[in-house]
C-alpha atoms as a PDB file:
ATOM      1  CA  MET A   1       2.710 -23.688 -24.664  1.00  0.00           C
ATOM      2  CA  THR A   2       5.915 -21.616 -25.086  1.00  0.00           C
ATOM      3  CA  PRO A   3       5.204 -18.241 -24.085  1.00  0.00           C
ATOM      4  CA  GLN A   4       6.871 -15.155 -25.565  1.00  0.00           C
ATOM      5  CA  ILE A   5       9.097 -12.748 -23.887  1.00  0.00           C
ATOM      6  CA  LYS A   6       9.000  -9.021 -23.676  1.00  0.00           C
ATOM      7  CA  ILE A   7      11.430  -6.722 -21.681  1.00  0.00           C
ATOM      8  CA  CYS A   8       9.660  -3.557 -20.804  1.00  0.00           C
ATOM      9  CA  GLY A   9      10.756   0.320 -19.389  1.00  0.00           C
ATOM     10  CA  VAL A  10      14.352   0.193 -22.574  1.00  0.00           C
ATOM     11  CA  ASN A  11      15.939   3.648 -22.956  1.00  0.00           C
ATOM     12  CA  ASP A  12      19.123   2.482 -23.857  1.00  0.00           C
ATOM     13  CA  ALA A  13      19.703   1.296 -27.904  1.00  0.00           C
ATOM     14  CA  ALA A  14      22.854  -1.045 -26.382  1.00  0.00           C
ATOM     15  CA  PHE A  15      20.538  -2.848 -23.958  1.00  0.00           C
ATOM     16  CA  ALA A  16      17.810  -3.079 -26.641  1.00  0.00           C
ATOM     17  CA  VAL A  17      19.945  -4.633 -29.527  1.00  0.00           C
ATOM     18  CA  ARG A  18      21.854  -7.038 -27.025  1.00  0.00           C
ATOM     19  CA  ALA A  19      17.843  -8.271 -25.323  1.00  0.00           C
ATOM     20  CA  ALA A  20      17.030  -8.660 -29.603  1.00  0.00           C
ATOM     21  CA  GLU A  21      20.363 -10.284 -29.985  1.00  0.00           C
ATOM     22  CA  ALA A  22      19.113 -12.508 -27.494  1.00  0.00           C
ATOM     23  CA  GLY A  23      15.796 -13.393 -29.007  1.00  0.00           C
ATOM     24  CA  VAL A  24      13.411 -11.677 -27.218  1.00  0.00           C
ATOM     25  CA  ASP A  25       9.835 -11.363 -28.625  1.00  0.00           C
ATOM     26  CA  TYR A  26       9.052  -7.277 -27.521  1.00  0.00           C
ATOM     27  CA  LEU A  27      10.471  -4.277 -26.402  1.00  0.00           C
ATOM     28  CA  GLY A  28       8.526  -2.036 -24.327  1.00  0.00           C
ATOM     29  CA  PHE A  29       9.240   1.534 -23.725  1.00  0.00           C
ATOM     30  CA  ILE A  30       7.155   3.711 -20.863  1.00  0.00           C
ATOM     31  CA  PHE A  31       5.342   7.236 -22.041  1.00  0.00           C
ATOM     32  CA  VAL A  32       4.664   7.675 -18.486  1.00  0.00           C
ATOM     33  CA  GLU A  33       6.021  11.378 -17.346  1.00  0.00           C
ATOM     34  CA  LYS A  34       6.984  10.082 -13.812  1.00  0.00           C
ATOM     35  CA  SER A  35       8.264   7.176 -14.520  1.00  0.00           C
ATOM     36  CA  PRO A  36      12.022   6.799 -14.150  1.00  0.00           C
ATOM     37  CA  ARG A  37      12.103   4.613 -17.377  1.00  0.00           C
ATOM     38  CA  ARG A  38      10.135   7.431 -19.346  1.00  0.00           C
ATOM     39  CA  VAL A  39      11.118   8.206 -22.941  1.00  0.00           C
ATOM     40  CA  VAL A  40      10.518  10.277 -25.479  1.00  0.00           C
ATOM     41  CA  PRO A  41       9.131   9.641 -29.506  1.00  0.00           C
ATOM     42  CA  GLU A  42      12.196  10.679 -30.672  1.00  0.00           C
ATOM     43  CA  GLN A  43      14.597   8.766 -28.451  1.00  0.00           C
ATOM     44  CA  ALA A  44      12.074   5.310 -28.865  1.00  0.00           C
ATOM     45  CA  ARG A  45      12.505   5.931 -32.644  1.00  0.00           C
ATOM     46  CA  THR A  46      16.266   5.767 -32.468  1.00  0.00           C
ATOM     47  CA  ILE A  47      16.531   3.133 -30.289  1.00  0.00           C
ATOM     48  CA  ILE A  48      14.067   0.928 -32.602  1.00  0.00           C
ATOM     49  CA  ALA A  49      16.171   2.141 -35.960  1.00  0.00           C
ATOM     50  CA  ALA A  50      19.032   0.732 -33.912  1.00  0.00           C
ATOM     51  CA  VAL A  51      17.897  -2.077 -33.257  1.00  0.00           C
ATOM     52  CA  ARG A  52      16.418  -2.691 -36.753  1.00  0.00           C
ATOM     53  CA  SER A  53      19.629  -2.373 -38.181  1.00  0.00           C
ATOM     54  CA  ALA A  54      21.754  -4.551 -35.646  1.00  0.00           C
ATOM     55  CA  VAL A  55      18.906  -7.407 -36.694  1.00  0.00           C
ATOM     56  CA  SER A  56      19.250  -6.988 -40.158  1.00  0.00           C
ATOM     57  CA  VAL A  57      22.957  -7.009 -39.938  1.00  0.00           C
ATOM     58  CA  LYS A  58      23.241 -10.086 -38.131  1.00  0.00           C
ATOM     59  CA  ALA A  59      20.287 -11.938 -38.658  1.00  0.00           C
ATOM     60  CA  PRO A  60      21.238 -14.188 -42.097  1.00  0.00           C
ATOM     61  CA  ARG A  61      24.090 -16.187 -39.375  1.00  0.00           C
ATOM     62  CA  ARG A  62      22.237 -15.750 -36.371  1.00  0.00           C
ATOM     63  CA  GLN A  63      18.477 -16.508 -37.509  1.00  0.00           C
ATOM     64  CA  VAL A  64      18.289 -12.796 -35.263  1.00  0.00           C
ATOM     65  CA  ARG A  65      14.588 -11.840 -35.582  1.00  0.00           C
ATOM     66  CA  VAL A  66      13.442  -8.017 -35.162  1.00  0.00           C
ATOM     67  CA  PRO A  67      11.312  -8.062 -32.054  1.00  0.00           C
ATOM     68  CA  ARG A  68       8.047  -5.869 -31.869  1.00  0.00           C
ATOM     69  CA  PHE A  69       7.539  -2.657 -30.107  1.00  0.00           C
ATOM     70  CA  VAL A  70       5.319  -1.338 -27.563  1.00  0.00           C
ATOM     71  CA  GLY A  71       4.744   1.594 -25.964  1.00  0.00           C
ATOM     72  CA  VAL A  72       3.064   2.024 -22.409  1.00  0.00           C
ATOM     73  CA  PHE A  73       0.485   4.680 -21.886  1.00  0.00           C
ATOM     74  CA  VAL A  74      -1.647   5.701 -18.844  1.00  0.00           C
ATOM     75  CA  SER A  75      -3.229   9.105 -19.066  1.00  0.00           C
ATOM     76  CA  HIS A  76      -3.048  10.496 -22.743  1.00  0.00           C
ATOM     77  CA  SER A  77      -5.777  10.349 -24.627  1.00  0.00           C
ATOM     78  CA  ALA A  78      -6.646   7.414 -27.859  1.00  0.00           C
ATOM     79  CA  ALA A  79      -5.739  10.247 -30.394  1.00  0.00           C
ATOM     80  CA  GLU A  80      -2.436  11.177 -28.314  1.00  0.00           C
ATOM     81  CA  VAL A  81      -1.121   7.657 -27.829  1.00  0.00           C
ATOM     82  CA  ALA A  82      -1.542   7.089 -32.076  1.00  0.00           C
ATOM     83  CA  GLU A  83       0.388  10.258 -32.349  1.00  0.00           C
ATOM     84  CA  ILE A  84       2.931   8.749 -30.014  1.00  0.00           C
ATOM     85  CA  ALA A  85       3.047   5.566 -31.626  1.00  0.00           C
ATOM     86  CA  ALA A  86       3.435   6.694 -35.455  1.00  0.00           C
ATOM     87  CA  GLY A  87       5.680   9.168 -34.287  1.00  0.00           C
ATOM     88  CA  ALA A  88       8.109   6.510 -32.670  1.00  0.00           C
ATOM     89  CA  ALA A  89       7.124   3.728 -34.919  1.00  0.00           C
ATOM     90  CA  LEU A  90       5.520   1.096 -32.735  1.00  0.00           C
ATOM     91  CA  ASP A  91       3.561  -1.840 -33.277  1.00  0.00           C
ATOM     92  CA  VAL A  92       1.765  -2.685 -30.345  1.00  0.00           C
ATOM     93  CA  VAL A  93       0.085   0.106 -27.409  1.00  0.00           C
ATOM     94  CA  GLN A  94      -0.318  -1.033 -23.706  1.00  0.00           C
ATOM     95  CA  LEU A  95      -2.962   0.985 -22.005  1.00  0.00           C
ATOM     96  CA  HIS A  96      -2.870   1.058 -18.215  1.00  0.00           C
ATOM     97  CA  GLY A  97      -5.126   3.774 -17.485  1.00  0.00           C
ATOM     98  CA  ASP A  98      -8.979   4.468 -18.097  1.00  0.00           C
ATOM     99  CA  TYR A  99      -9.330   3.190 -21.926  1.00  0.00           C
ATOM    100  CA  GLY A 100     -12.883   1.551 -23.250  1.00  0.00           C
ATOM    101  CA  ALA A 101     -13.889   0.186 -26.180  1.00  0.00           C
ATOM    102  CA  ASP A 102     -14.174   3.244 -28.121  1.00  0.00           C
ATOM    103  CA  ASP A 103     -10.141   4.126 -27.181  1.00  0.00           C
ATOM    104  CA  VAL A 104      -9.309   0.635 -28.162  1.00  0.00           C
ATOM    105  CA  ALA A 105     -11.908   0.475 -32.005  1.00  0.00           C
ATOM    106  CA  ALA A 106      -9.695   3.954 -32.386  1.00  0.00           C
ATOM    107  CA  LEU A 107      -6.001   2.514 -31.932  1.00  0.00           C
ATOM    108  CA  LYS A 108      -6.770  -0.688 -33.505  1.00  0.00           C
ATOM    109  CA  ALA A 109      -8.165   1.452 -36.830  1.00  0.00           C
ATOM    110  CA  ALA A 110      -4.743   2.998 -36.831  1.00  0.00           C
ATOM    111  CA  GLY A 111      -2.907   0.082 -37.234  1.00  0.00           C
ATOM    112  CA  LEU A 112      -1.911  -0.913 -34.165  1.00  0.00           C
ATOM    113  CA  GLU A 113      -2.815  -4.053 -31.758  1.00  0.00           C
ATOM    114  CA  VAL A 114      -3.924  -3.071 -28.049  1.00  0.00           C
ATOM    115  CA  TRP A 115      -3.384  -4.666 -25.196  1.00  0.00           C
ATOM    116  CA  ARG A 116      -5.567  -3.354 -22.275  1.00  0.00           C
ATOM    117  CA  LEU A 117      -4.823  -3.479 -18.377  1.00  0.00           C
ATOM    118  CA  ALA A 118      -7.719  -5.830 -16.578  1.00  0.00           C
ATOM    119  CA  PRO A 119      -9.123  -3.446 -13.957  1.00  0.00           C
ATOM    120  CA  GLY A 120     -10.221  -6.311 -11.929  1.00  0.00           C
ATOM    121  CA  SER A 121     -11.636 -10.166 -12.181  1.00  0.00           C
ATOM    122  CA  GLY A 122     -14.956  -8.886 -13.194  1.00  0.00           C
ATOM    123  CA  ASP A 123     -13.186  -6.860 -16.058  1.00  0.00           C
ATOM    124  CA  GLU A 124     -15.566  -7.282 -19.691  1.00  0.00           C
ATOM    125  CA  PRO A 125     -13.384  -7.195 -22.983  1.00  0.00           C
ATOM    126  CA  ALA A 126     -13.237  -3.835 -24.737  1.00  0.00           C
ATOM    127  CA  GLY A 127     -11.565  -5.524 -27.911  1.00  0.00           C
ATOM    128  CA  GLU A 128      -8.515  -5.193 -27.159  1.00  0.00           C
ATOM    129  CA  ASP A 129      -5.781  -7.458 -28.442  1.00  0.00           C
ATOM    130  CA  ALA A 130      -4.074  -8.855 -24.987  1.00  0.00           C
ATOM    131  CA  VAL A 131      -5.541  -8.097 -21.872  1.00  0.00           C
ATOM    132  CA  LEU A 132      -2.658  -7.416 -19.066  1.00  0.00           C
ATOM    133  CA  ILE A 133      -2.023  -8.616 -15.809  1.00  0.00           C
ATOM    134  CA  ASP A 134       0.064  -6.769 -13.595  1.00  0.00           C
ATOM    135  CA  GLY A 135       1.609  -6.323  -9.987  1.00  0.00           C
ATOM    136  CA  ARG A 136       0.476  -3.539  -7.339  1.00  0.00           C
ATOM    137  CA  ASP A 137       1.909  -0.914  -5.442  1.00  0.00           C
ATOM    138  CA  GLY A 138      -0.810   1.247  -4.065  1.00  0.00           C
ATOM    139  CA  SER A 139      -2.544   2.866  -6.790  1.00  0.00           C
ATOM    140  CA  ARG A 140       0.741   2.155  -8.939  1.00  0.00           C
ATOM    141  CA  SER A 141       0.578  -0.411 -11.512  1.00  0.00           C
ATOM    142  CA  GLY A 142       3.639  -1.581 -14.004  1.00  0.00           C
ATOM    143  CA  GLY A 143       7.264  -1.084 -13.080  1.00  0.00           C
ATOM    144  CA  THR A 144       6.722  -1.708  -8.944  1.00  0.00           C
ATOM    145  CA  GLY A 145       8.435  -5.291  -9.089  1.00  0.00           C
ATOM    146  CA  ARG A 146       5.849  -6.907  -7.361  1.00  0.00           C
ATOM    147  CA  LEU A 147       4.511 -10.353  -8.298  1.00  0.00           C
ATOM    148  CA  ALA A 148       0.489  -9.930  -9.942  1.00  0.00           C
ATOM    149  CA  ASP A 149      -2.412 -12.281  -9.101  1.00  0.00           C
ATOM    150  CA  TRP A 150      -1.025 -15.035 -11.274  1.00  0.00           C
ATOM    151  CA  SER A 151      -3.795 -17.289 -10.642  1.00  0.00           C
ATOM    152  CA  GLN A 152      -6.054 -14.783 -12.749  1.00  0.00           C
ATOM    153  CA  VAL A 153      -4.347 -16.392 -15.722  1.00  0.00           C
ATOM    154  CA  ALA A 154      -6.263 -19.627 -16.152  1.00  0.00           C
ATOM    155  CA  ALA A 155      -9.652 -17.622 -15.657  1.00  0.00           C
ATOM    156  CA  LEU A 156      -8.753 -15.494 -18.373  1.00  0.00           C
ATOM    157  CA  LYS A 157      -7.505 -17.937 -20.946  1.00  0.00           C
ATOM    158  CA  ARG A 158     -10.796 -20.793 -20.330  1.00  0.00           C
ATOM    159  CA  SER A 159     -12.374 -17.398 -21.879  1.00  0.00           C
ATOM    160  CA  GLY A 160     -10.949 -17.314 -25.061  1.00  0.00           C
ATOM    161  CA  ARG A 161      -8.750 -14.533 -24.187  1.00  0.00           C
ATOM    162  CA  ARG A 162      -5.196 -13.630 -24.637  1.00  0.00           C
ATOM    163  CA  VAL A 163      -2.765 -12.492 -21.651  1.00  0.00           C
ATOM    164  CA  VAL A 164       0.004 -11.117 -20.550  1.00  0.00           C
ATOM    165  CA  LEU A 165       1.570 -11.508 -17.407  1.00  0.00           C
ATOM    166  CA  ALA A 166       3.767  -8.746 -15.683  1.00  0.00           C
ATOM    167  CA  GLY A 167       5.068  -7.976 -12.410  1.00  0.00           C
ATOM    168  CA  GLY A 168       8.219  -9.448 -10.714  1.00  0.00           C
ATOM    169  CA  ILE A 169       8.663 -11.649 -13.072  1.00  0.00           C
ATOM    170  CA  SER A 170      12.980 -12.263 -12.912  1.00  0.00           C
ATOM    171  CA  ALA A 171      15.552 -14.853 -13.700  1.00  0.00           C
ATOM    172  CA  GLU A 172      14.319 -16.974 -10.488  1.00  0.00           C
ATOM    173  CA  ASN A 173      10.825 -17.483 -11.617  1.00  0.00           C
ATOM    174  CA  ILE A 174      10.467 -16.744 -15.035  1.00  0.00           C
ATOM    175  CA  SER A 175       9.599 -20.699 -15.704  1.00  0.00           C
ATOM    176  CA  ALA A 176       6.948 -20.929 -13.091  1.00  0.00           C
ATOM    177  CA  ALA A 177       5.123 -18.102 -14.443  1.00  0.00           C
ATOM    178  CA  ALA A 178       5.756 -19.801 -18.279  1.00  0.00           C
ATOM    179  CA  ALA A 179       3.687 -22.520 -16.495  1.00  0.00           C
ATOM    180  CA  THR A 180       0.451 -20.133 -15.288  1.00  0.00           C
ATOM    181  CA  GLY A 181      -0.045 -20.314 -19.512  1.00  0.00           C
ATOM    182  CA  ALA A 182       0.013 -16.804 -20.056  1.00  0.00           C
ATOM    183  CA  ASP A 183       1.108 -15.856 -23.772  1.00  0.00           C
ATOM    184  CA  VAL A 184       3.671 -13.157 -23.186  1.00  0.00           C
ATOM    185  CA  LEU A 185       5.489 -12.616 -20.050  1.00  0.00           C
ATOM    186  CA  ASP A 186       6.754  -9.477 -19.547  1.00  0.00           C
ATOM    187  CA  VAL A 187      10.182  -8.069 -17.483  1.00  0.00           C
ATOM    188  CA  ASN A 188      11.227  -4.844 -16.487  1.00  0.00           C
ATOM    189  CA  SER A 189      12.517  -3.926 -12.784  1.00  0.00           C
ATOM    190  CA  SER A 190      14.287  -7.339 -12.019  1.00  0.00           C
ATOM    191  CA  LEU A 191      16.443  -6.670 -15.003  1.00  0.00           C
ATOM    192  CA  GLU A 192      17.480  -3.341 -13.495  1.00  0.00           C
ATOM    193  CA  THR A 193      20.224  -2.661 -11.287  1.00  0.00           C
ATOM    194  CA  SER A 194      18.316   0.890 -10.025  1.00  0.00           C
ATOM    195  CA  PRO A 195      14.818   2.119 -11.494  1.00  0.00           C
ATOM    196  CA  GLY A 196      15.485   2.823 -15.226  1.00  0.00           C
ATOM    197  CA  VAL A 197      18.851   1.623 -15.177  1.00  0.00           C
ATOM    198  CA  LYS A 198      18.555  -1.702 -17.048  1.00  0.00           C
ATOM    199  CA  SER A 199      21.425  -4.153 -16.652  1.00  0.00           C
ATOM    200  CA  LEU A 200      23.336  -6.230 -19.240  1.00  0.00           C
ATOM    201  CA  VAL A 201      24.514  -9.374 -16.398  1.00  0.00           C
ATOM    202  CA  LEU A 202      20.824  -9.423 -15.566  1.00  0.00           C
ATOM    203  CA  LEU A 203      19.605  -9.515 -19.265  1.00  0.00           C
ATOM    204  CA  ASP A 204      22.375 -12.447 -19.441  1.00  0.00           C
ATOM    205  CA  ARG A 205      20.950 -14.090 -16.256  1.00  0.00           C
ATOM    206  CA  LEU A 206      17.691 -14.294 -17.999  1.00  0.00           C
ATOM    207  CA  ALA A 207      18.813 -15.543 -21.125  1.00  0.00           C
ATOM    208  CA  ALA A 208      20.415 -18.448 -19.484  1.00  0.00           C
ATOM    209  CA  ALA A 209      17.164 -19.139 -17.345  1.00  0.00           C
ATOM    210  CA  ILE A 210      15.016 -19.218 -20.244  1.00  0.00           C
ATOM    211  CA  LYS A 211      17.092 -21.064 -22.127  1.00  0.00           C
ATOM    212  CA  ARG A 212      17.919 -23.921 -19.053  1.00  0.00           C
ATOM    213  CA  ALA A 213      13.583 -23.949 -18.268  1.00  0.00           C
ATOM    214  CA  THR A 214      12.346 -26.939 -20.336  1.00  0.00           C
ATOM    215  CA  THR A 215       8.688 -24.690 -20.580  1.00  0.00           C
ATOM    216  CA  PHE A 216      10.239 -22.531 -23.527  1.00  0.00           C
END
């Protein structure tokens, strides 16, 4: 299986356009107040518009397609998530907080694809479209640069769930991450020179690693 690629923590239009040109499947925007990668809806919408415009120009001759756009949320209510998603023109919402089946249902009714963080090995489905496995640093999950427990992927896949694997994925280990069988690989801090500052050089290194990996 060939996993899809998501780059998260996007806050710069030039980087987002280059990532889209490199063929990533998802671009993620973080709407978490304390995150160094935080964006506001207007900022995300401007970046998304820039990506759509750039891809529409280059697509006919380079077969570049528009990625899907993901918003990451922790403490917003489901209603607030839906409002921000509409304002920013998102396709997917990624829920890291205390969200249950009713929240998931409300967001799906709003036309959004929903990914939800798996709290632990005993997590029960809540109707989400995909379950997220992420690395943790104490109480923090997301953008920590720490590896997740990759062994969870196989069990979740056996139960029929779509799996997004995040946490410490980089150019150096992306082939091994792909071998876990995860449906989406989520890359964030390994593409930064400092928290919230993405690097085009590191993006190009990741793209080259993906191209070399036979798993892809």
